[in-house]
């Protein structure tokens, strides 16, 4: 590789333990974003307009709850450090895709109406995972194919799962 590691957006924060509702809400939002947890009160995402805005909003929420928060733009000191963070994020998404794959395989023997319900839920779950999947693992394609197979559609004629409603 040439050049330097990419830019990341970091959120450094502290939030009061009580009341617990704001702390739990922040934790859930960070989980939905798929952040890498670098340390206690320090999370990171690859930097783009969406991730910066998302962490800015969460920082504002933390401040309103009486905590402290700062959003930083930074780059890892080496490619090895960046790869380690990316691999942690990739492994987390791989586990999520593996769960979808397992559920899709389990749904194969269901009656049509129940299978259709499961397909809708799994497609929705795939969309949620895709939104936080910055470093796609191999499990992504297998999970998508397994959900698609439940519909009986040929992959060559299928529209991308993200576009399905």
Protein backbone atom coordinates (compact mmCIF):
# COMPACT_ATOMS: atom_id res chain seq x y z
CA UNK A 1 0.00 0.00 0.00
CA UNK A 2 1.09 3.52 -0.62
CA UNK A 3 0.04 6.72 1.06
CA UNK A 4 -1.33 6.76 4.56
CA UNK A 5 -4.23 5.17 6.42
CA UNK A 6 -7.67 6.62 5.80
CA UNK A 7 -9.42 9.17 7.93
CA UNK A 8 -11.70 8.09 10.76
CA UNK A 9 -14.23 9.98 12.83
CA UNK A 10 -13.91 9.39 16.58
CA UNK A 11 -16.36 10.10 19.38
CA UNK A 12 -14.83 10.49 22.81
CA UNK A 13 -17.53 10.65 25.47
CA UNK A 14 -18.56 10.27 29.09
CA UNK A 15 -22.18 10.00 30.06
CA UNK A 16 -23.62 9.90 33.58
CA UNK A 17 -24.67 6.47 34.85
CA UNK A 18 -27.95 7.84 36.19
CA UNK A 19 -30.44 8.22 34.80
CA UNK A 20 -29.66 5.16 32.71
CA UNK A 21 -32.12 5.86 29.85
CA UNK A 22 -29.85 8.35 27.97
CA UNK A 23 -26.83 6.07 28.41
CA UNK A 24 -28.72 3.07 27.06
CA UNK A 25 -30.13 5.13 24.16
CA UNK A 26 -26.62 6.27 23.20
CA UNK A 27 -25.28 2.71 23.44
CA UNK A 28 -28.07 1.44 21.16
CA UNK A 29 -27.47 4.19 18.59
CA UNK A 30 -23.75 3.46 18.53
CA UNK A 31 -24.48 -0.26 18.05
CA UNK A 32 -26.83 0.54 15.14
CA UNK A 33 -24.03 2.54 13.53
CA UNK A 34 -21.61 -0.39 13.87
CA UNK A 35 -18.88 1.57 15.64
CA UNK A 36 -15.50 0.13 16.55
CA UNK A 37 -14.94 0.45 20.28
CA UNK A 38 -11.36 1.62 20.73
CA UNK A 39 -11.53 2.02 24.48
CA UNK A 40 -13.77 3.08 27.31
CA UNK A 41 -15.80 5.99 25.94
CA UNK A 42 -13.99 6.04 22.59
CA UNK A 43 -15.58 4.80 19.36
CA UNK A 44 -14.60 5.10 15.69
CA UNK A 45 -16.13 4.90 12.23
CA UNK A 46 -14.60 5.41 8.78
CA UNK A 47 -15.02 9.10 8.02
CA UNK A 48 -17.65 10.26 5.57
CA UNK A 49 -20.40 12.85 5.73
CA UNK A 50 -22.96 10.38 7.11
CA UNK A 51 -20.78 9.00 9.88
CA UNK A 52 -19.58 12.45 10.94
CA UNK A 53 -23.14 13.75 11.10
CA UNK A 54 -24.33 10.69 13.01
CA UNK A 55 -21.61 11.01 15.63
CA UNK A 56 -22.21 14.78 15.86
CA UNK A 57 -25.89 14.11 16.66
CA UNK A 58 -24.98 11.53 19.28
CA UNK A 59 -22.43 13.92 20.81
CA UNK A 60 -25.16 16.57 21.10
CA UNK A 61 -27.44 14.03 22.76
CA UNK A 62 -24.71 13.14 25.26
CA UNK A 63 -24.16 16.82 26.09
CA UNK A 64 -27.91 17.31 26.62
CA UNK A 65 -27.85 14.37 29.05
CA UNK A 66 -25.19 16.12 31.14
CA UNK A 67 -22.22 14.23 29.75
CA UNK A 68 -19.17 15.31 27.82
CA UNK A 69 -18.46 14.51 24.19
CA UNK A 70 -16.04 15.49 21.46
CA UNK A 71 -15.95 14.41 17.83
CA UNK A 72 -12.51 14.08 16.25
CA UNK A 73 -11.16 13.37 12.80
CA UNK A 74 -8.06 11.20 12.95
CA UNK A 75 -5.97 8.68 11.07
CA UNK A 76 -4.35 5.56 12.54
CA UNK A 77 -0.58 5.77 12.82
CA UNK A 78 -0.14 2.71 10.59
CA UNK A 79 -1.97 0.52 8.11
CA UNK A 80 -1.66 -2.35 10.59
CA UNK A 81 -3.65 -0.41 13.18
CA UNK A 82 -6.28 0.50 10.61
CA UNK A 83 -6.51 -3.13 9.45
CA UNK A 84 -6.96 -4.28 13.06
CA UNK A 85 -9.88 -1.91 13.61
CA UNK A 86 -11.40 -2.81 10.24
CA UNK A 87 -11.05 -6.53 11.01
CA UNK A 88 -12.83 -6.08 14.34
CA UNK A 89 -15.70 -4.37 12.53
CA UNK A 90 -15.70 -7.01 9.77
CA UNK A 91 -15.87 -9.84 12.33
CA UNK A 92 -18.84 -8.22 14.06
CA UNK A 93 -20.73 -7.96 10.76
CA UNK A 94 -19.72 -11.52 9.82
CA UNK A 95 -21.40 -12.79 12.99
CA UNK A 96 -24.56 -10.84 12.14
CA UNK A 97 -24.63 -12.20 8.59
CA UNK A 98 -24.02 -15.73 9.93
CA UNK A 99 -27.12 -15.37 12.11
CA UNK A 100 -29.17 -14.34 9.06
CA UNK A 101 -27.74 -17.30 7.13
CA UNK A 102 -28.69 -19.72 9.92
CA UNK A 103 -32.21 -18.30 10.14
CA UNK A 104 -32.62 -18.48 6.35
CA UNK A 105 -31.59 -22.13 6.30
CA UNK A 106 -34.00 -22.88 9.16
CA UNK A 107 -36.85 -21.17 7.26
CA UNK A 108 -36.42 -23.29 4.13
CA UNK A 109 -38.85 -25.95 5.36
CA UNK A 110 -41.57 -23.58 6.53
CA UNK A 111 -44.99 -23.21 4.94
CA UNK A 112 -45.23 -20.49 2.28
CA UNK A 113 -46.98 -17.86 4.41
CA UNK A 114 -44.58 -18.30 7.32
CA UNK A 115 -41.56 -18.37 4.97
CA UNK A 116 -42.70 -15.11 3.33
CA UNK A 117 -42.93 -13.49 6.78
CA UNK A 118 -39.42 -14.71 7.62
CA UNK A 119 -38.06 -13.47 4.26
CA UNK A 120 -39.43 -9.97 4.94
CA UNK A 121 -37.87 -9.93 8.40
CA UNK A 122 -34.52 -11.23 7.12
CA UNK A 123 -34.44 -8.70 4.27
CA UNK A 124 -35.08 -5.95 6.78
CA UNK A 125 -32.27 -7.30 8.96
CA UNK A 126 -29.93 -7.43 5.95
CA UNK A 127 -30.68 -3.76 5.23
CA UNK A 128 -29.88 -2.85 8.85
CA UNK A 129 -26.61 -4.79 8.73
CA UNK A 130 -25.68 -3.30 5.33
CA UNK A 131 -25.98 0.23 6.75
CA UNK A 132 -23.23 -0.50 9.27
CA UNK A 133 -21.13 -2.77 7.06
CA UNK A 134 -18.07 -0.73 6.14
CA UNK A 135 -15.77 -3.72 5.51
CA UNK A 136 -17.94 -6.46 3.97
CA UNK A 137 -17.09 -10.01 5.07
CA UNK A 138 -17.50 -13.08 2.88
CA UNK A 139 -20.58 -14.05 4.90
CA UNK A 140 -22.51 -11.15 3.38
CA UNK A 141 -22.94 -12.78 -0.03
CA UNK A 142 -23.86 -16.14 1.50
CA UNK A 143 -26.54 -14.53 3.70
CA UNK A 144 -27.98 -12.58 0.77
CA UNK A 145 -28.05 -15.69 -1.41
CA UNK A 146 -29.73 -17.76 1.32
CA UNK A 147 -32.48 -15.17 1.79
CA UNK A 148 -32.92 -14.86 -1.96
CA UNK A 149 -33.17 -18.65 -2.27
CA UNK A 150 -36.16 -18.60 0.10
CA UNK A 151 -38.12 -16.60 -2.49
CA UNK A 152 -37.45 -19.07 -5.29
CA UNK A 153 -36.09 -16.27 -7.52
CA UNK A 154 -33.09 -16.93 -9.67
CA UNK A 155 -30.15 -14.77 -8.52
CA UNK A 156 -29.56 -13.52 -12.07
CA UNK A 157 -33.05 -12.00 -12.23
CA UNK A 158 -33.24 -10.84 -8.65
CA UNK A 159 -33.11 -7.18 -7.79
CA UNK A 160 -30.65 -6.21 -5.10
CA UNK A 161 -32.02 -7.03 -1.69
CA UNK A 162 -31.57 -3.42 -0.56
CA UNK A 163 -34.12 -2.31 -3.14
CA UNK A 164 -36.78 -4.82 -2.06
CA UNK A 165 -39.53 -3.39 0.10
